[in-house]
């Protein structure tokens, strides 16, 4: 009588290919977690306004430091200073995001997901 159902190769356990895929997925998950922790401790810095403002953010996208040169502070042009701060913070955040995407892309590429 012909055998019905189940996976090719028989047996009650997982077939070899599925077992290998599960091990690979678990290994990649650990690597992603380690990479994510490492990324969160990295710092990304950007300057704006010719160096008048510098923002430092973590890979976890938290603003860690903001440096404003005294000559950038003009009480008659607060709006310019605000725009410069926004530009510096946004650029630093962009760097952190790009680093995160690079790590995730590298990890996902191992399984052919991305």
PDB file of N, CA and C in Angstrom:
ATOM      1  N   UNK A   1       0.826  -1.173   0.000  1.00  0.00           N
ATOM      2  CA  UNK A   1       0.000   0.000   0.000  1.00  0.00           C
ATOM      3  C   UNK A   1       0.877   1.246   0.000  1.00  0.00           C
ATOM      4  N   UNK A   2       0.469   2.265  -0.734  1.00  0.00           N
ATOM      5  CA  UNK A   2       1.238   3.506  -0.823  1.00  0.00           C
ATOM      6  C   UNK A   2       1.034   4.333   0.438  1.00  0.00           C
ATOM      7  N   UNK A   3       2.092   5.005   0.824  1.00  0.00           N
ATOM      8  CA  UNK A   3       2.052   5.851   2.010  1.00  0.00           C
ATOM      9  C   UNK A   3       1.409   7.182   1.637  1.00  0.00           C
ATOM     10  N   UNK A   4       0.517   7.663   2.461  1.00  0.00           N
ATOM     11  CA  UNK A   4      -0.165   8.922   2.178  1.00  0.00           C
ATOM     12  C   UNK A   4       0.221   9.988   3.189  1.00  0.00           C
ATOM     13  N   UNK A   5       0.188  11.246   2.735  1.00  0.00           N
ATOM     14  CA  UNK A   5       0.405  12.388   3.625  1.00  0.00           C
ATOM     15  C   UNK A   5       1.826  12.441   4.153  1.00  0.00           C
ATOM     16  N   UNK A   6       2.038  13.358   5.057  1.00  0.00           N
ATOM     17  CA  UNK A   6       3.349  13.511   5.679  1.00  0.00           C
ATOM     18  C   UNK A   6       4.358  14.152   4.750  1.00  0.00           C
ATOM     19  N   UNK A   7       5.563  14.189   5.196  1.00  0.00           N
ATOM     20  CA  UNK A   7       6.654  14.775   4.421  1.00  0.00           C
ATOM     21  C   UNK A   7       7.421  13.684   3.714  1.00  0.00           C
ATOM     22  N   UNK A   8       8.010  14.011   2.583  1.00  0.00           N
ATOM     23  CA  UNK A   8       8.855  13.020   1.914  1.00  0.00           C
ATOM     24  C   UNK A   8       9.975  12.583   2.851  1.00  0.00           C
ATOM     25  N   UNK A   9      10.294  11.352   2.818  1.00  0.00           N
ATOM     26  CA  UNK A   9      11.353  10.850   3.683  1.00  0.00           C
ATOM     27  C   UNK A   9      10.784  10.172   4.909  1.00  0.00           C
ATOM     28  N   UNK A  10       9.483  10.354   5.154  1.00  0.00           N
ATOM     29  CA  UNK A  10       8.818   9.659   6.249  1.00  0.00           C
ATOM     30  C   UNK A  10       9.301  10.102   7.610  1.00  0.00           C
ATOM     31  N   UNK A  11       8.902   9.353   8.616  1.00  0.00           N
ATOM     32  CA  UNK A  11       9.304   9.657   9.988  1.00  0.00           C
ATOM     33  C   UNK A  11       8.366  10.658  10.615  1.00  0.00           C
ATOM     34  N   UNK A  12       8.347  10.663  11.907  1.00  0.00           N
ATOM     35  CA  UNK A  12       7.443  11.552  12.633  1.00  0.00           C
ATOM     36  C   UNK A  12       8.076  12.915  12.914  1.00  0.00           C
ATOM     37  N   UNK A  13       9.397  13.002  12.896  1.00  0.00           N
ATOM     38  CA  UNK A  13      10.068  14.260  13.201  1.00  0.00           C
ATOM     39  C   UNK A  13      10.079  15.195  12.001  1.00  0.00           C
ATOM     40  N   UNK A  14      10.696  16.344  12.183  1.00  0.00           N
ATOM     41  CA  UNK A  14      10.814  17.297  11.085  1.00  0.00           C
ATOM     42  C   UNK A  14      11.782  16.765  10.048  1.00  0.00           C
ATOM     43  N   UNK A  15      11.481  16.993   8.809  1.00  0.00           N
ATOM     44  CA  UNK A  15      12.461  16.609   7.788  1.00  0.00           C
ATOM     45  C   UNK A  15      13.717  17.464   7.936  1.00  0.00           C
ATOM     46  N   UNK A  16      14.818  16.975   7.417  1.00  0.00           N
ATOM     47  CA  UNK A  16      16.105  17.659   7.554  1.00  0.00           C
ATOM     48  C   UNK A  16      16.092  19.099   7.100  1.00  0.00           C
ATOM     49  N   UNK A  17      15.475  19.371   5.959  1.00  0.00           N
ATOM     50  CA  UNK A  17      15.470  20.744   5.446  1.00  0.00           C
ATOM     51  C   UNK A  17      14.740  21.698   6.382  1.00  0.00           C
ATOM     52  N   UNK A  18      13.621  21.278   6.924  1.00  0.00           N
ATOM     53  CA  UNK A  18      12.845  22.117   7.831  1.00  0.00           C
ATOM     54  C   UNK A  18      13.624  22.342   9.125  1.00  0.00           C
ATOM     55  N   UNK A  19      14.258  21.306   9.633  1.00  0.00           N
ATOM     56  CA  UNK A  19      15.045  21.418  10.852  1.00  0.00           C
ATOM     57  C   UNK A  19      16.199  22.390  10.647  1.00  0.00           C
ATOM     58  N   UNK A  20      16.878  22.303   9.518  1.00  0.00           N
ATOM     59  CA  UNK A  20      17.984  23.217   9.208  1.00  0.00           C
ATOM     60  C   UNK A  20      17.488  24.650   9.083  1.00  0.00           C
ATOM     61  N   UNK A  21      16.331  24.833   8.470  1.00  0.00           N
ATOM     62  CA  UNK A  21      15.764  26.165   8.306  1.00  0.00           C
ATOM     63  C   UNK A  21      15.422  26.773   9.663  1.00  0.00           C
ATOM     64  N   UNK A  22      14.876  25.972  10.561  1.00  0.00           N
ATOM     65  CA  UNK A  22      14.547  26.456  11.907  1.00  0.00           C
ATOM     66  C   UNK A  22      15.815  26.855  12.666  1.00  0.00           C
ATOM     67  N   UNK A  23      16.856  26.047  12.564  1.00  0.00           N
ATOM     68  CA  UNK A  23      18.123  26.382  13.233  1.00  0.00           C
ATOM     69  C   UNK A  23      18.698  27.672  12.677  1.00  0.00           C
ATOM     70  N   UNK A  24      18.642  27.825  11.358  1.00  0.00           N
ATOM     71  CA  UNK A  24      19.165  29.027  10.718  1.00  0.00           C
ATOM     72  C   UNK A  24      18.356  30.251  11.161  1.00  0.00           C
ATOM     73  N   UNK A  25      17.051  30.123  11.232  1.00  0.00           N
ATOM     74  CA  UNK A  25      16.200  31.239  11.671  1.00  0.00           C
ATOM     75  C   UNK A  25      16.511  31.627  13.116  1.00  0.00           C
ATOM     76  N   UNK A  26      16.714  30.642  13.987  1.00  0.00           N
ATOM     77  CA  UNK A  26      17.037  30.934  15.380  1.00  0.00           C
ATOM     78  C   UNK A  26      18.393  31.623  15.500  1.00  0.00           C
ATOM     79  N   UNK A  27      19.354  31.167  14.711  1.00  0.00           N
ATOM     80  CA  UNK A  27      20.692  31.771  14.724  1.00  0.00           C
ATOM     81  C   UNK A  27      20.598  33.222  14.238  1.00  0.00           C
ATOM     82  N   UNK A  28      19.823  33.446  13.192  1.00  0.00           N
ATOM     83  CA  UNK A  28      19.686  34.806  12.667  1.00  0.00           C
ATOM     84  C   UNK A  28      18.965  35.712  13.663  1.00  0.00           C
ATOM     85  N   UNK A  29      17.992  35.161  14.379  1.00  0.00           N
ATOM     86  CA  UNK A  29      17.286  35.953  15.377  1.00  0.00           C
ATOM     87  C   UNK A  29      18.254  36.404  16.466  1.00  0.00           C
ATOM     88  N   UNK A  30      19.116  35.505  16.934  1.00  0.00           N
ATOM     89  CA  UNK A  30      20.122  35.880  17.940  1.00  0.00           C
ATOM     90  C   UNK A  30      21.055  36.947  17.390  1.00  0.00           C
ATOM     91  N   UNK A  31      21.485  36.786  16.142  1.00  0.00           N
ATOM     92  CA  UNK A  31      22.380  37.767  15.542  1.00  0.00           C
ATOM     93  C   UNK A  31      21.697  39.126  15.421  1.00  0.00           C
ATOM     94  N   UNK A  32      20.417  39.126  15.049  1.00  0.00           N
ATOM     95  CA  UNK A  32      19.683  40.389  14.929  1.00  0.00           C
ATOM     96  C   UNK A  32      19.563  41.066  16.288  1.00  0.00           C
ATOM     97  N   UNK A  33      19.278  40.294  17.331  1.00  0.00           N
ATOM     98  CA  UNK A  33      19.161  40.865  18.668  1.00  0.00           C
ATOM     99  C   UNK A  33      20.486  41.466  19.121  1.00  0.00           C
ATOM    100  N   UNK A  34      21.586  40.763  18.858  1.00  0.00           N
ATOM    101  CA  UNK A  34      22.909  41.270  19.229  1.00  0.00           C
ATOM    102  C   UNK A  34      23.233  42.537  18.436  1.00  0.00           C
ATOM    103  N   UNK A  35      22.935  42.526  17.145  1.00  0.00           N
ATOM    104  CA  UNK A  35      23.196  43.693  16.308  1.00  0.00           C
ATOM    105  C   UNK A  35      22.357  44.875  16.753  1.00  0.00           C
ATOM    106  N   UNK A  36      21.102  44.627  17.115  1.00  0.00           N
ATOM    107  CA  UNK A  36      20.219  45.693  17.578  1.00  0.00           C
ATOM    108  C   UNK A  36      20.752  46.311  18.869  1.00  0.00           C
ATOM    109  N   UNK A  37      21.226  45.482  19.796  1.00  0.00           N
ATOM    110  CA  UNK A  37      21.791  45.999  21.050  1.00  0.00           C
ATOM    111  C   UNK A  37      23.029  46.842  20.765  1.00  0.00           C
ATOM    112  N   UNK A  38      23.863  46.357  19.862  1.00  0.00           N
ATOM    113  CA  UNK A  38      25.072  47.103  19.499  1.00  0.00           C
ATOM    114  C   UNK A  38      24.698  48.430  18.855  1.00  0.00           C
ATOM    115  N   UNK A  39      23.718  48.410  17.972  1.00  0.00           N
ATOM    116  CA  UNK A  39      23.286  49.628  17.291  1.00  0.00           C
ATOM    117  C   UNK A  39      22.783  50.661  18.290  1.00  0.00           C
ATOM    118  N   UNK A  40      22.048  50.221  19.299  1.00  0.00           N
ATOM    119  CA  UNK A  40      21.486  51.146  20.279  1.00  0.00           C
ATOM    120  C   UNK A  40      22.557  51.873  21.073  1.00  0.00           C
ATOM    121  N   UNK A  41      23.747  51.300  21.184  1.00  0.00           N
ATOM    122  CA  UNK A  41      24.823  51.956  21.926  1.00  0.00           C
ATOM    123  C   UNK A  41      25.673  52.860  21.033  1.00  0.00           C
ATOM    124  N   UNK A  42      25.562  52.690  19.728  1.00  0.00           N
ATOM    125  CA  UNK A  42      26.329  53.553  18.814  1.00  0.00           C
ATOM    126  C   UNK A  42      25.780  54.963  18.827  1.00  0.00           C
ATOM    127  N   UNK A  43      26.651  55.913  18.515  1.00  0.00           N
ATOM    128  CA  UNK A  43      26.243  57.316  18.450  1.00  0.00           C
ATOM    129  C   UNK A  43      26.444  57.842  17.042  1.00  0.00           C
ATOM    130  N   UNK A  44      25.523  58.706  16.637  1.00  0.00           N
ATOM    131  CA  UNK A  44      25.566  59.328  15.318  1.00  0.00           C
ATOM    132  C   UNK A  44      25.505  60.831  15.516  1.00  0.00           C
ATOM    133  N   UNK A  45      26.396  61.525  14.829  1.00  0.00           N
ATOM    134  CA  UNK A  45      26.543  62.958  15.026  1.00  0.00           C
ATOM    135  C   UNK A  45      26.363  63.686  13.698  1.00  0.00           C
ATOM    136  N   UNK A  46      25.715  64.844  13.762  1.00  0.00           N
ATOM    137  CA  UNK A  46      25.555  65.676  12.572  1.00  0.00           C
ATOM    138  C   UNK A  46      25.624  67.137  12.989  1.00  0.00           C
ATOM    139  N   UNK A  47      26.191  67.935  12.100  1.00  0.00           N
ATOM    140  CA  UNK A  47      26.290  69.375  12.329  1.00  0.00           C
ATOM    141  C   UNK A  47      25.451  70.100  11.287  1.00  0.00           C
ATOM    142  N   UNK A  48      25.001  71.297  11.650  1.00  0.00           N
ATOM    143  CA  UNK A  48      24.247  72.143  10.729  1.00  0.00           C
ATOM    144  C   UNK A  48      24.652  73.589  10.975  1.00  0.00           C
ATOM    145  N   UNK A  49      24.308  74.427  10.013  1.00  0.00           N
ATOM    146  CA  UNK A  49      24.627  75.847  10.148  1.00  0.00           C
ATOM    147  C   UNK A  49      26.113  76.108  10.166  1.00  0.00           C
ATOM    148  N   UNK A  50      26.853  75.367   9.338  1.00  0.00           N
ATOM    149  CA  UNK A  50      28.303  75.552   9.287  1.00  0.00           C
ATOM    150  C   UNK A  50      28.992  75.137  10.578  1.00  0.00           C
ATOM    151  N   UNK A  51      28.390  74.203  11.299  1.00  0.00           N
ATOM    152  CA  UNK A  51      28.977  73.732  12.553  1.00  0.00           C
ATOM    153  C   UNK A  51      28.464  74.469  13.771  1.00  0.00           C
ATOM    154  N   UNK A  52      27.498  75.365  13.585  1.00  0.00           N
ATOM    155  CA  UNK A  52      26.963  76.137  14.702  1.00  0.00           C
ATOM    156  C   UNK A  52      26.199  75.254  15.686  1.00  0.00           C
ATOM    157  N   UNK A  53      25.610  74.170  15.162  1.00  0.00           N
ATOM    158  CA  UNK A  53      24.834  73.256  15.995  1.00  0.00           C
ATOM    159  C   UNK A  53      25.274  71.832  15.680  1.00  0.00           C
ATOM    160  N   UNK A  54      25.473  71.045  16.729  1.00  0.00           N
ATOM    161  CA  UNK A  54      25.790  69.631  16.558  1.00  0.00           C
ATOM    162  C   UNK A  54      24.830  68.811  17.412  1.00  0.00           C
ATOM    163  N   UNK A  55      24.238  67.787  16.774  1.00  0.00           N
ATOM    164  CA  UNK A  55      23.339  66.881  17.476  1.00  0.00           C
ATOM    165  C   UNK A  55      23.959  65.496  17.493  1.00  0.00           C
ATOM    166  N   UNK A  56      23.832  64.816  18.619  1.00  0.00           N
ATOM    167  CA  UNK A  56      24.309  63.442  18.768  1.00  0.00           C
ATOM    168  C   UNK A  56      23.118  62.598  19.201  1.00  0.00           C
ATOM    169  N   UNK A  57      22.837  61.549  18.420  1.00  0.00           N
ATOM    170  CA  UNK A  57      21.753  60.632  18.767  1.00  0.00           C
ATOM    171  C   UNK A  57      22.316  59.228  18.870  1.00  0.00           C
ATOM    172  N   UNK A  58      21.588  58.376  19.583  1.00  0.00           N
ATOM    173  CA  UNK A  58      21.980  56.971  19.684  1.00  0.00           C
ATOM    174  C   UNK A  58      21.279  56.188  18.581  1.00  0.00           C
ATOM    175  N   UNK A  59      21.750  54.975  18.370  1.00  0.00           N
ATOM    176  CA  UNK A  59      21.100  54.098  17.413  1.00  0.00           C
ATOM    177  C   UNK A  59      19.682  53.758  17.838  1.00  0.00           C
ATOM    178  N   UNK A  60      19.378  53.947  19.116  1.00  0.00           N
ATOM    179  CA  UNK A  60      18.026  53.768  19.621  1.00  0.00           C
ATOM    180  C   UNK A  60      17.169  54.998  19.387  1.00  0.00           C
ATOM    181  N   UNK A  61      17.716  55.953  18.638  1.00  0.00           N
ATOM    182  CA  UNK A  61      17.037  57.182  18.213  1.00  0.00           C
ATOM    183  C   UNK A  61      16.645  58.080  19.378  1.00  0.00           C
ATOM    184  N   UNK A  62      17.577  58.186  20.325  1.00  0.00           N
ATOM    185  CA  UNK A  62      17.411  59.103  21.446  1.00  0.00           C
ATOM    186  C   UNK A  62      18.430  60.233  21.289  1.00  0.00           C
ATOM    187  N   UNK A  63      17.981  61.460  21.450  1.00  0.00           N
ATOM    188  CA  UNK A  63      18.885  62.603  21.405  1.00  0.00           C
ATOM    189  C   UNK A  63      19.752  62.549  22.650  1.00  0.00           C
ATOM    190  N   UNK A  64      21.066  62.448  22.453  1.00  0.00           N
ATOM    191  CA  UNK A  64      21.986  62.301  23.576  1.00  0.00           C
ATOM    192  C   UNK A  64      22.666  63.624  23.928  1.00  0.00           C
ATOM    193  N   UNK A  65      22.994  64.413  22.912  1.00  0.00           N
ATOM    194  CA  UNK A  65      23.676  65.680  23.165  1.00  0.00           C
ATOM    195  C   UNK A  65      23.316  66.684  22.084  1.00  0.00           C
ATOM    196  N   UNK A  66      23.322  67.922  22.482  1.00  0.00           N
ATOM    197  CA  UNK A  66      23.062  69.015  21.556  1.00  0.00           C
ATOM    198  C   UNK A  66      24.018  70.144  21.922  1.00  0.00           C
ATOM    199  N   UNK A  67      24.871  70.516  20.982  1.00  0.00           N
ATOM    200  CA  UNK A  67      25.847  71.573  21.224  1.00  0.00           C
ATOM    201  C   UNK A  67      25.512  72.753  20.329  1.00  0.00           C
ATOM    202  N   UNK A  68      25.420  73.920  20.942  1.00  0.00           N
ATOM    203  CA  UNK A  68      25.109  75.143  20.206  1.00  0.00           C
ATOM    204  C   UNK A  68      26.240  76.139  20.456  1.00  0.00           C
ATOM    205  N   UNK A  69      26.880  76.551  19.399  1.00  0.00           N
ATOM    206  CA  UNK A  69      27.948  77.537  19.517  1.00  0.00           C
ATOM    207  C   UNK A  69      27.343  78.888  19.910  1.00  0.00           C
ATOM    208  N   UNK A  70      27.995  79.631  20.793  1.00  0.00           N
ATOM    209  CA  UNK A  70      27.439  80.909  21.261  1.00  0.00           C
ATOM    210  C   UNK A  70      27.101  81.880  20.125  1.00  0.00           C
ATOM    211  N   UNK A  71      27.901  81.887  19.085  1.00  0.00           N
ATOM    212  CA  UNK A  71      27.632  82.827  17.980  1.00  0.00           C
ATOM    213  C   UNK A  71      26.355  82.480  17.212  1.00  0.00           C
ATOM    214  N   UNK A  72      25.824  81.276  17.423  1.00  0.00           N
ATOM    215  CA  UNK A  72      24.584  80.887  16.748  1.00  0.00           C
ATOM    216  C   UNK A  72      23.353  81.442  17.460  1.00  0.00           C
ATOM    217  N   UNK A  73      23.560  81.943  18.667  1.00  0.00           N
ATOM    218  CA  UNK A  73      22.435  82.452  19.449  1.00  0.00           C
ATOM    219  C   UNK A  73      22.252  83.938  19.162  1.00  0.00           C
ATOM    220  N   UNK A  74      21.222  84.240  18.406  1.00  0.00           N
ATOM    221  CA  UNK A  74      20.886  85.620  18.063  1.00  0.00           C
ATOM    222  C   UNK A  74      19.446  85.862  18.523  1.00  0.00           C
ATOM    223  N   UNK A  75      19.267  86.635  19.582  1.00  0.00           N
ATOM    224  CA  UNK A  75      17.915  86.855  20.099  1.00  0.00           C
ATOM    225  C   UNK A  75      16.959  87.436  19.064  1.00  0.00           C
ATOM    226  N   UNK A  76      17.502  88.083  18.050  1.00  0.00           N
ATOM    227  CA  UNK A  76      16.652  88.667  17.014  1.00  0.00           C
ATOM    228  C   UNK A  76      16.304  87.668  15.916  1.00  0.00           C
ATOM    229  N   UNK A  77      16.906  86.477  15.965  1.00  0.00           N
ATOM    230  CA  UNK A  77      16.632  85.474  14.924  1.00  0.00           C
ATOM    231  C   UNK A  77      16.565  84.072  15.530  1.00  0.00           C
ATOM    232  N   UNK A  78      15.675  83.901  16.478  1.00  0.00           N
ATOM    233  CA  UNK A  78      15.499  82.615  17.147  1.00  0.00           C
ATOM    234  C   UNK A  78      15.050  81.545  16.145  1.00  0.00           C
ATOM    235  N   UNK A  79      14.267  81.950  15.174  1.00  0.00           N
ATOM    236  CA  UNK A  79      13.759  81.003  14.184  1.00  0.00           C
ATOM    237  C   UNK A  79      14.896  80.319  13.421  1.00  0.00           C
ATOM    238  N   UNK A  80      15.940  81.061  13.099  1.00  0.00           N
ATOM    239  CA  UNK A  80      17.092  80.481  12.397  1.00  0.00           C
ATOM    240  C   UNK A  80      17.761  79.418  13.262  1.00  0.00           C
ATOM    241  N   UNK A  81      17.911  79.688  14.536  1.00  0.00           N
ATOM    242  CA  UNK A  81      18.515  78.721  15.448  1.00  0.00           C
ATOM    243  C   UNK A  81      17.640  77.472  15.552  1.00  0.00           C
ATOM    244  N   UNK A  82      16.348  77.654  15.647  1.00  0.00           N
ATOM    245  CA  UNK A  82      15.433  76.515  15.702  1.00  0.00           C
ATOM    246  C   UNK A  82      15.561  75.650  14.452  1.00  0.00           C
ATOM    247  N   UNK A  83      15.603  76.277  13.300  1.00  0.00           N
ATOM    248  CA  UNK A  83      15.729  75.536  12.039  1.00  0.00           C
ATOM    249  C   UNK A  83      17.057  74.787  11.969  1.00  0.00           C
ATOM    250  N   UNK A  84      18.110  75.400  12.479  1.00  0.00           N
ATOM    251  CA  UNK A  84      19.429  74.774  12.472  1.00  0.00           C
ATOM    252  C   UNK A  84      19.446  73.556  13.395  1.00  0.00           C
ATOM    253  N   UNK A  85      18.820  73.672  14.542  1.00  0.00           N
ATOM    254  CA  UNK A  85      18.733  72.537  15.481  1.00  0.00           C
ATOM    255  C   UNK A  85      17.958  71.393  14.840  1.00  0.00           C
ATOM    256  N   UNK A  86      16.837  71.707  14.245  1.00  0.00           N
ATOM    257  CA  UNK A  86      16.024  70.677  13.581  1.00  0.00           C
ATOM    258  C   UNK A  86      16.828  69.983  12.491  1.00  0.00           C
ATOM    259  N   UNK A  87      17.562  70.746  11.710  1.00  0.00           N
ATOM    260  CA  UNK A  87      18.358  70.155  10.624  1.00  0.00           C
ATOM    261  C   UNK A  87      19.425  69.209  11.172  1.00  0.00           C
ATOM    262  N   UNK A  88      20.101  69.611  12.230  1.00  0.00           N
ATOM    263  CA  UNK A  88      21.154  68.772  12.813  1.00  0.00           C
ATOM    264  C   UNK A  88      20.558  67.493  13.397  1.00  0.00           C
ATOM    265  N   UNK A  89      19.462  67.609  14.130  1.00  0.00           N
ATOM    266  CA  UNK A  89      18.834  66.434  14.746  1.00  0.00           C
ATOM    267  C   UNK A  89      18.313  65.491  13.662  1.00  0.00           C
ATOM    268  N   UNK A  90      17.653  66.037  12.656  1.00  0.00           N
ATOM    269  CA  UNK A  90      17.122  65.191  11.583  1.00  0.00           C
ATOM    270  C   UNK A  90      18.226  64.447  10.834  1.00  0.00           C
ATOM    271  N   UNK A  91      19.339  65.094  10.594  1.00  0.00           N
ATOM    272  CA  UNK A  91      20.441  64.431   9.892  1.00  0.00           C
ATOM    273  C   UNK A  91      21.039  63.316  10.738  1.00  0.00           C
ATOM    274  N   UNK A  92      21.218  63.560  12.025  1.00  0.00           N
ATOM    275  CA  UNK A  92      21.745  62.517  12.910  1.00  0.00           C
ATOM    276  C   UNK A  92      20.775  61.335  12.983  1.00  0.00           C
ATOM    277  N   UNK A  93      19.484  61.614  13.057  1.00  0.00           N
ATOM    278  CA  UNK A  93      18.468  60.547  13.074  1.00  0.00           C
ATOM    279  C   UNK A  93      18.491  59.758  11.770  1.00  0.00           C
ATOM    280  N   UNK A  94      18.684  60.450  10.666  1.00  0.00           N
ATOM    281  CA  UNK A  94      18.753  59.788   9.359  1.00  0.00           C
ATOM    282  C   UNK A  94      19.935  58.816   9.329  1.00  0.00           C
ATOM    283  N   UNK A  95      21.061  59.232   9.873  1.00  0.00           N
ATOM    284  CA  UNK A  95      22.231  58.349   9.923  1.00  0.00           C
ATOM    285  C   UNK A  95      21.938  57.103  10.756  1.00  0.00           C
ATOM    286  N   UNK A  96      21.270  57.284  11.887  1.00  0.00           N
ATOM    287  CA  UNK A  96      20.925  56.149  12.751  1.00  0.00           C
ATOM    288  C   UNK A  96      19.964  55.213  12.028  1.00  0.00           C
ATOM    289  N   UNK A  97      18.998  55.762  11.327  1.00  0.00           N
ATOM    290  CA  UNK A  97      18.022  54.950  10.598  1.00  0.00           C
ATOM    291  C   UNK A  97      18.691  54.165   9.472  1.00  0.00           C
ATOM    292  N   UNK A  98      19.593  54.809   8.750  1.00  0.00           N
ATOM    293  CA  UNK A  98      20.306  54.128   7.666  1.00  0.00           C
ATOM    294  C   UNK A  98      21.154  52.980   8.198  1.00  0.00           C
ATOM    295  N   UNK A  99      21.783  53.180   9.346  1.00  0.00           N
ATOM    296  CA  UNK A  99      22.581  52.111   9.955  1.00  0.00           C
ATOM    297  C   UNK A  99      21.681  50.949  10.361  1.00  0.00           C
ATOM    298  N   UNK A 100      20.521  51.266  10.904  1.00  0.00           N
ATOM    299  CA  UNK A 100      19.563  50.234  11.299  1.00  0.00           C
ATOM    300  C   UNK A 100      19.081  49.448  10.084  1.00  0.00           C
ATOM    301  N   UNK A 101      18.746  50.147   9.011  1.00  0.00           N
ATOM    302  CA  UNK A 101      18.282  49.483   7.791  1.00  0.00           C
ATOM    303  C   UNK A 101      19.382  48.607   7.189  1.00  0.00           C
ATOM    304  N   UNK A 102      20.623  49.067   7.265  1.00  0.00           N
ATOM    305  CA  UNK A 102      21.739  48.276   6.728  1.00  0.00           C
ATOM    306  C   UNK A 102      21.890  46.975   7.502  1.00  0.00           C
ATOM    307  N   UNK A 103      21.754  47.042   8.818  1.00  0.00           N
ATOM    308  CA  UNK A 103      21.872  45.834   9.645  1.00  0.00           C
ATOM    309  C   UNK A 103      20.720  44.886   9.352  1.00  0.00           C
ATOM    310  N   UNK A 104      19.514  45.410   9.309  1.00  0.00           N
ATOM    311  CA  UNK A 104      18.348  44.559   9.061  1.00  0.00           C
ATOM    312  C   UNK A 104      18.394  43.959   7.659  1.00  0.00           C
ATOM    313  N   UNK A 105      18.839  44.736   6.692  1.00  0.00           N
ATOM    314  CA  UNK A 105      18.947  44.232   5.323  1.00  0.00           C
ATOM    315  C   UNK A 105      19.969  43.119   5.224  1.00  0.00           C
ATOM    316  N   UNK A 106      21.080  43.276   5.925  1.00  0.00           N
ATOM    317  CA  UNK A 106      22.121  42.264   5.916  1.00  0.00           C
ATOM    318  C   UNK A 106      21.604  40.976   6.571  1.00  0.00           C
ATOM    319  N   UNK A 107      20.883  41.119   7.660  1.00  0.00           N
ATOM    320  CA  UNK A 107      20.348  39.961   8.363  1.00  0.00           C
ATOM    321  C   UNK A 107      19.277  39.261   7.535  1.00  0.00           C
ATOM    322  N   UNK A 108      18.362  40.041   6.989  1.00  0.00           N
ATOM    323  CA  UNK A 108      17.276  39.464   6.206  1.00  0.00           C
ATOM    324  C   UNK A 108      17.760  38.822   4.926  1.00  0.00           C
ATOM    325  N   UNK A 109      18.853  39.330   4.384  1.00  0.00           N
ATOM    326  CA  UNK A 109      19.406  38.787   3.156  1.00  0.00           C
ATOM    327  C   UNK A 109      19.885  37.355   3.320  1.00  0.00           C
ATOM    328  N   UNK A 110      20.240  36.961   4.532  1.00  0.00           N
ATOM    329  CA  UNK A 110      20.709  35.610   4.783  1.00  0.00           C
ATOM    330  C   UNK A 110      19.632  34.563   4.576  1.00  0.00           C
ATOM    331  N   UNK A 111      18.372  34.958   4.752  1.00  0.00           N
ATOM    332  CA  UNK A 111      17.265  34.040   4.533  1.00  0.00           C
ATOM    333  C   UNK A 111      16.537  34.334   3.227  1.00  0.00           C
ATOM    334  N   UNK A 112      17.030  35.333   2.501  1.00  0.00           N
ATOM    335  CA  UNK A 112      16.370  35.702   1.263  1.00  0.00           C
ATOM    336  C   UNK A 112      15.057  36.428   1.509  1.00  0.00           C
ATOM    337  N   UNK A 113      14.939  37.110   2.660  1.00  0.00           N
ATOM    338  CA  UNK A 113      13.695  37.813   2.990  1.00  0.00           C
ATOM    339  C   UNK A 113      13.626  39.205   2.416  1.00  0.00           C
ATOM    340  N   UNK A 114      14.772  39.854   2.244  1.00  0.00           N
ATOM    341  CA  UNK A 114      14.767  41.254   1.787  1.00  0.00           C
ATOM    342  C   UNK A 114      15.476  41.368   0.479  1.00  0.00           C
TER     343      UNK A 114
END
